[in-house]
């Protein structure tokens, strides 16, 4: 639809290879009991740090409103500095740069 403004538009496909994510779809864990906190997960490389900064106000709002009833879990990119003071923030930097190895690790 934007080509009416410029005919030189290219759409790049998403480079996530769905063949590498088969376990995430077929090995889902059962739901946690109500007493456990709701886990909101974020997975992305360090190139996505600006994305996290963009949603920082919303994440702080969730933490303020729900406190220990919610846990924010980050894989890869670190949480923004303002979130690291909260006790219900978890960050795991697997240190993987190979995408296929990352998908295998993350699905475990």
N, C-alpha and C. Protein backbone atom coordinates (compact mmCIF):
# COMPACT_ATOMS: atom_id res chain seq x y z
N UNK A 1 0.81 -1.19 0.00
CA UNK A 1 0.00 0.00 0.00
C UNK A 1 0.86 1.26 0.00
N UNK A 2 2.09 1.15 0.48
CA UNK A 2 2.95 2.33 0.50
C UNK A 2 3.59 2.62 -0.85
N UNK A 3 3.46 1.69 -1.79
CA UNK A 3 4.09 1.92 -3.09
C UNK A 3 3.42 3.04 -3.88
N UNK A 4 2.27 3.55 -3.43
CA UNK A 4 1.69 4.72 -4.08
C UNK A 4 2.54 5.96 -3.79
N UNK A 5 3.30 5.93 -2.70
CA UNK A 5 4.17 7.04 -2.34
C UNK A 5 5.58 6.89 -2.90
N UNK A 6 5.99 5.64 -3.08
CA UNK A 6 7.32 5.37 -3.60
C UNK A 6 7.31 3.98 -4.23
N UNK A 7 7.59 3.86 -5.51
CA UNK A 7 7.54 2.55 -6.16
C UNK A 7 8.71 1.63 -5.81
N UNK A 8 9.72 2.16 -5.11
CA UNK A 8 10.92 1.38 -4.78
C UNK A 8 10.84 0.86 -3.34
N UNK A 9 9.81 0.07 -3.08
CA UNK A 9 9.60 -0.50 -1.75
C UNK A 9 9.87 -1.99 -1.82
N UNK A 10 10.62 -2.47 -0.86
CA UNK A 10 10.95 -3.89 -0.79
C UNK A 10 10.50 -4.43 0.56
N UNK A 11 9.90 -5.58 0.56
CA UNK A 11 9.47 -6.23 1.79
C UNK A 11 10.43 -7.37 2.05
N UNK A 12 11.10 -7.30 3.19
CA UNK A 12 12.03 -8.36 3.56
C UNK A 12 11.29 -9.37 4.43
N UNK A 13 11.42 -10.65 4.12
CA UNK A 13 10.72 -11.66 4.92
C UNK A 13 11.32 -11.75 6.32
N UNK A 14 10.55 -12.27 7.23
CA UNK A 14 11.04 -12.53 8.57
C UNK A 14 12.07 -13.65 8.46
N UNK A 15 13.19 -13.50 9.12
CA UNK A 15 14.24 -14.50 9.00
C UNK A 15 14.19 -15.59 10.06
N UNK A 16 13.11 -15.65 10.82
CA UNK A 16 12.94 -16.74 11.77
C UNK A 16 12.59 -18.00 10.99
N UNK A 17 13.34 -19.04 11.21
CA UNK A 17 13.11 -20.30 10.51
C UNK A 17 12.18 -21.16 11.35
N UNK A 18 10.90 -21.31 10.97
CA UNK A 18 9.95 -22.07 11.79
C UNK A 18 10.31 -23.54 11.94
N UNK A 19 11.13 -24.07 11.05
CA UNK A 19 11.53 -25.48 11.17
C UNK A 19 12.39 -25.71 12.41
N UNK A 20 13.03 -24.65 12.92
CA UNK A 20 13.88 -24.77 14.10
C UNK A 20 13.09 -24.64 15.41
N UNK A 21 11.82 -24.28 15.32
CA UNK A 21 11.01 -24.03 16.52
C UNK A 21 9.96 -25.11 16.75
N UNK A 22 10.14 -26.29 16.23
CA UNK A 22 9.15 -27.36 16.34
C UNK A 22 8.85 -27.75 17.78
N UNK A 23 9.87 -27.81 18.65
CA UNK A 23 9.65 -28.24 20.03
C UNK A 23 8.80 -27.25 20.82
N UNK A 24 8.93 -25.98 20.53
CA UNK A 24 8.14 -24.98 21.26
C UNK A 24 6.66 -25.19 21.02
N UNK A 25 6.30 -25.71 19.88
CA UNK A 25 4.89 -25.90 19.56
C UNK A 25 4.37 -27.26 19.99
N UNK A 26 5.25 -28.25 20.10
CA UNK A 26 4.78 -29.61 20.39
C UNK A 26 5.03 -30.05 21.83
N UNK A 27 5.82 -29.32 22.58
CA UNK A 27 6.14 -29.72 23.95
C UNK A 27 5.74 -28.63 24.95
N UNK A 28 4.53 -28.18 24.89
CA UNK A 28 4.07 -27.14 25.80
C UNK A 28 3.92 -27.70 27.20
N UNK A 29 4.36 -26.92 28.17
CA UNK A 29 4.23 -27.31 29.58
C UNK A 29 2.81 -27.08 30.04
N UNK A 30 2.32 -27.86 31.00
CA UNK A 30 0.98 -27.59 31.55
C UNK A 30 0.96 -26.26 32.28
N UNK A 31 -0.22 -25.71 32.42
CA UNK A 31 -0.36 -24.41 33.09
C UNK A 31 0.09 -24.51 34.55
N UNK A 32 0.67 -23.43 35.04
CA UNK A 32 1.11 -23.36 36.44
C UNK A 32 -0.11 -23.14 37.34
N UNK A 33 -0.04 -23.60 38.58
CA UNK A 33 -1.14 -23.35 39.52
C UNK A 33 -1.35 -21.85 39.73
N UNK A 34 -2.54 -21.48 40.18
CA UNK A 34 -2.89 -20.07 40.36
C UNK A 34 -1.96 -19.36 41.35
N UNK A 35 -1.37 -20.08 42.27
CA UNK A 35 -0.53 -19.43 43.29
C UNK A 35 0.82 -18.95 42.73
N UNK A 36 1.23 -19.47 41.59
CA UNK A 36 2.49 -19.04 40.98
C UNK A 36 2.30 -17.71 40.27
N UNK A 37 3.36 -16.89 40.22
CA UNK A 37 3.21 -15.62 39.49
C UNK A 37 3.06 -15.86 37.99
N UNK A 38 2.39 -14.93 37.35
CA UNK A 38 2.29 -14.94 35.90
C UNK A 38 3.64 -14.53 35.35
N UNK A 39 4.20 -15.32 34.45
CA UNK A 39 5.49 -15.01 33.86
C UNK A 39 5.27 -14.38 32.50
N UNK A 40 5.81 -13.20 32.33
CA UNK A 40 5.81 -12.51 31.05
C UNK A 40 7.22 -12.62 30.51
N UNK A 41 7.38 -13.34 29.43
CA UNK A 41 8.71 -13.58 28.89
C UNK A 41 9.02 -12.72 27.69
N UNK A 42 10.30 -12.38 27.58
CA UNK A 42 10.78 -11.64 26.41
C UNK A 42 12.05 -12.33 25.94
N UNK A 43 12.12 -12.62 24.66
CA UNK A 43 13.28 -13.27 24.09
C UNK A 43 13.71 -12.47 22.87
N UNK A 44 14.95 -12.05 22.88
CA UNK A 44 15.48 -11.32 21.74
C UNK A 44 16.94 -10.99 21.98
N UNK A 45 17.65 -10.73 20.91
CA UNK A 45 19.06 -10.38 21.02
C UNK A 45 19.26 -8.95 21.46
N UNK A 46 20.51 -8.60 21.67
CA UNK A 46 20.86 -7.26 22.15
C UNK A 46 20.45 -6.16 21.16
N UNK A 47 20.26 -6.53 19.92
CA UNK A 47 19.78 -5.57 18.94
C UNK A 47 18.37 -5.08 19.24
N UNK A 48 17.68 -5.77 20.14
CA UNK A 48 16.31 -5.40 20.50
C UNK A 48 16.23 -4.57 21.79
N UNK A 49 17.37 -4.16 22.31
CA UNK A 49 17.36 -3.32 23.52
C UNK A 49 16.53 -2.04 23.31
N UNK A 50 16.62 -1.37 22.16
CA UNK A 50 15.76 -0.19 21.95
C UNK A 50 14.27 -0.54 22.00
N UNK A 51 13.89 -1.75 21.57
CA UNK A 51 12.48 -2.16 21.65
C UNK A 51 12.05 -2.23 23.11
N UNK A 52 12.90 -2.78 23.96
CA UNK A 52 12.58 -2.88 25.39
C UNK A 52 12.46 -1.50 26.03
N UNK A 53 13.32 -0.60 25.63
CA UNK A 53 13.24 0.77 26.16
C UNK A 53 11.92 1.43 25.77
N UNK A 54 11.42 1.09 24.59
CA UNK A 54 10.16 1.66 24.12
C UNK A 54 8.99 1.24 25.00
N UNK A 55 9.01 -0.02 25.45
CA UNK A 55 7.89 -0.51 26.26
C UNK A 55 8.16 -0.42 27.77
N UNK A 56 9.25 0.21 28.15
CA UNK A 56 9.61 0.33 29.56
C UNK A 56 8.50 0.91 30.43
N UNK A 57 7.84 2.01 30.02
CA UNK A 57 6.76 2.54 30.87
C UNK A 57 5.64 1.53 31.12
N UNK A 58 5.30 0.74 30.12
CA UNK A 58 4.24 -0.26 30.29
C UNK A 58 4.70 -1.37 31.24
N UNK A 59 5.96 -1.79 31.13
CA UNK A 59 6.47 -2.84 32.01
C UNK A 59 6.50 -2.36 33.47
N UNK A 60 6.91 -1.12 33.68
CA UNK A 60 6.92 -0.55 35.04
C UNK A 60 5.50 -0.48 35.58
N UNK A 61 4.57 -0.09 34.74
CA UNK A 61 3.17 -0.04 35.16
C UNK A 61 2.68 -1.42 35.61
N UNK A 62 3.00 -2.46 34.85
CA UNK A 62 2.60 -3.82 35.21
C UNK A 62 3.22 -4.21 36.56
N UNK A 63 4.50 -3.92 36.74
CA UNK A 63 5.16 -4.25 38.00
C UNK A 63 4.56 -3.50 39.18
N UNK A 64 4.26 -2.24 39.00
CA UNK A 64 3.66 -1.45 40.07
C UNK A 64 2.27 -1.94 40.41
N UNK A 65 1.51 -2.30 39.41
CA UNK A 65 0.13 -2.70 39.64
C UNK A 65 0.01 -4.11 40.23
N UNK A 66 0.84 -5.04 39.75
CA UNK A 66 0.68 -6.44 40.15
C UNK A 66 1.77 -6.96 41.08
N UNK A 67 2.83 -6.21 41.28
CA UNK A 67 3.87 -6.60 42.23
C UNK A 67 4.34 -8.03 42.07
N UNK A 68 4.38 -8.81 43.16
CA UNK A 68 4.92 -10.17 43.11
C UNK A 68 4.03 -11.17 42.39
N UNK A 69 2.85 -10.74 41.97
CA UNK A 69 1.97 -11.66 41.23
C UNK A 69 2.42 -11.83 39.78
N UNK A 70 3.44 -11.08 39.38
CA UNK A 70 3.94 -11.17 38.01
C UNK A 70 5.46 -11.24 38.05
N UNK A 71 6.03 -11.98 37.11
CA UNK A 71 7.48 -12.06 36.96
C UNK A 71 7.81 -11.74 35.51
N UNK A 72 8.81 -10.89 35.31
CA UNK A 72 9.28 -10.59 33.96
C UNK A 72 10.58 -11.37 33.75
N UNK A 73 10.60 -12.17 32.72
CA UNK A 73 11.75 -13.02 32.44
C UNK A 73 12.31 -12.68 31.07
N UNK A 74 13.58 -12.35 31.02
CA UNK A 74 14.25 -11.92 29.79
C UNK A 74 15.30 -12.95 29.40
N UNK A 75 15.29 -13.34 28.14
CA UNK A 75 16.32 -14.22 27.58
C UNK A 75 17.03 -13.43 26.48
N UNK A 76 18.34 -13.38 26.57
CA UNK A 76 19.12 -12.68 25.55
C UNK A 76 19.37 -11.24 25.95
N UNK A 77 18.60 -10.32 25.40
CA UNK A 77 18.77 -8.90 25.70
C UNK A 77 18.53 -8.65 27.18
N UNK A 78 19.38 -7.84 27.81
CA UNK A 78 19.17 -7.56 29.23
C UNK A 78 17.96 -6.64 29.43
N UNK A 79 17.33 -6.74 30.60
CA UNK A 79 16.24 -5.81 30.87
C UNK A 79 16.78 -4.40 31.01
N UNK A 80 15.98 -3.40 30.69
CA UNK A 80 16.44 -2.02 30.89
C UNK A 80 16.87 -1.79 32.34
N UNK A 81 17.81 -0.92 32.53
CA UNK A 81 18.39 -0.63 33.85
C UNK A 81 17.31 -0.33 34.90
N UNK A 82 16.26 0.39 34.52
CA UNK A 82 15.21 0.77 35.46
C UNK A 82 14.44 -0.43 36.00
N UNK A 83 14.50 -1.57 35.33
CA UNK A 83 13.79 -2.76 35.80
C UNK A 83 14.63 -3.63 36.72
N UNK A 84 15.92 -3.46 36.69
CA UNK A 84 16.81 -4.37 37.42
C UNK A 84 16.71 -4.23 38.93
N UNK A 85 16.08 -3.19 39.42
CA UNK A 85 15.92 -3.02 40.87
C UNK A 85 14.76 -3.85 41.42
N UNK A 86 13.91 -4.35 40.55
CA UNK A 86 12.75 -5.14 40.98
C UNK A 86 13.18 -6.57 41.27
N UNK A 87 12.67 -7.15 42.37
CA UNK A 87 13.06 -8.53 42.70
C UNK A 87 12.44 -9.58 41.78
N UNK A 88 11.40 -9.24 41.06
CA UNK A 88 10.72 -10.22 40.20
C UNK A 88 11.13 -10.06 38.73
N UNK A 89 12.39 -9.70 38.53
CA UNK A 89 12.96 -9.62 37.18
C UNK A 89 14.02 -10.71 37.09
N UNK A 90 13.97 -11.47 36.03
CA UNK A 90 14.97 -12.52 35.81
C UNK A 90 15.56 -12.34 34.43
N UNK A 91 16.88 -12.44 34.34
CA UNK A 91 17.56 -12.28 33.06
C UNK A 91 18.54 -13.43 32.87
N UNK A 92 18.47 -14.06 31.72
CA UNK A 92 19.39 -15.13 31.38
C UNK A 92 20.04 -14.79 30.05
N UNK A 93 21.33 -14.62 30.09
CA UNK A 93 22.09 -14.38 28.86
C UNK A 93 22.82 -15.67 28.53
N UNK A 94 22.28 -16.42 27.60
CA UNK A 94 22.85 -17.72 27.26
C UNK A 94 24.18 -17.57 26.51
N UNK A 95 24.47 -16.39 26.01
CA UNK A 95 25.73 -16.16 25.32
C UNK A 95 25.85 -16.86 23.98
N UNK A 96 24.73 -17.17 23.38
CA UNK A 96 24.75 -17.88 22.10
C UNK A 96 24.62 -16.90 20.94
N UNK A 97 25.46 -17.09 19.94
CA UNK A 97 25.38 -16.23 18.75
C UNK A 97 24.94 -17.00 17.52
N UNK A 98 25.00 -18.32 17.57
CA UNK A 98 24.55 -19.16 16.47
C UNK A 98 23.04 -19.36 16.60
N UNK A 99 22.28 -19.00 15.57
CA UNK A 99 20.82 -19.02 15.67
C UNK A 99 20.27 -20.42 15.88
N UNK A 100 20.78 -21.41 15.17
CA UNK A 100 20.29 -22.78 15.33
C UNK A 100 20.55 -23.28 16.75
N UNK A 101 21.73 -22.99 17.30
CA UNK A 101 22.04 -23.39 18.68
C UNK A 101 21.12 -22.66 19.66
N UNK A 102 20.85 -21.40 19.36
CA UNK A 102 19.95 -20.62 20.22
C UNK A 102 18.55 -21.23 20.25
N UNK A 103 18.00 -21.59 19.09
CA UNK A 103 16.64 -22.15 19.07
C UNK A 103 16.59 -23.47 19.84
N UNK A 104 17.63 -24.29 19.70
CA UNK A 104 17.67 -25.56 20.43
C UNK A 104 17.72 -25.29 21.94
N UNK A 105 18.57 -24.37 22.35
CA UNK A 105 18.69 -24.03 23.78
C UNK A 105 17.36 -23.46 24.32
N UNK A 106 16.80 -22.53 23.62
CA UNK A 106 15.60 -21.84 24.10
C UNK A 106 14.40 -22.79 24.22
N UNK A 107 14.32 -23.77 23.37
CA UNK A 107 13.21 -24.71 23.42
C UNK A 107 13.34 -25.70 24.57
N UNK A 108 14.52 -25.83 25.16
CA UNK A 108 14.67 -26.68 26.33
C UNK A 108 14.09 -25.99 27.52
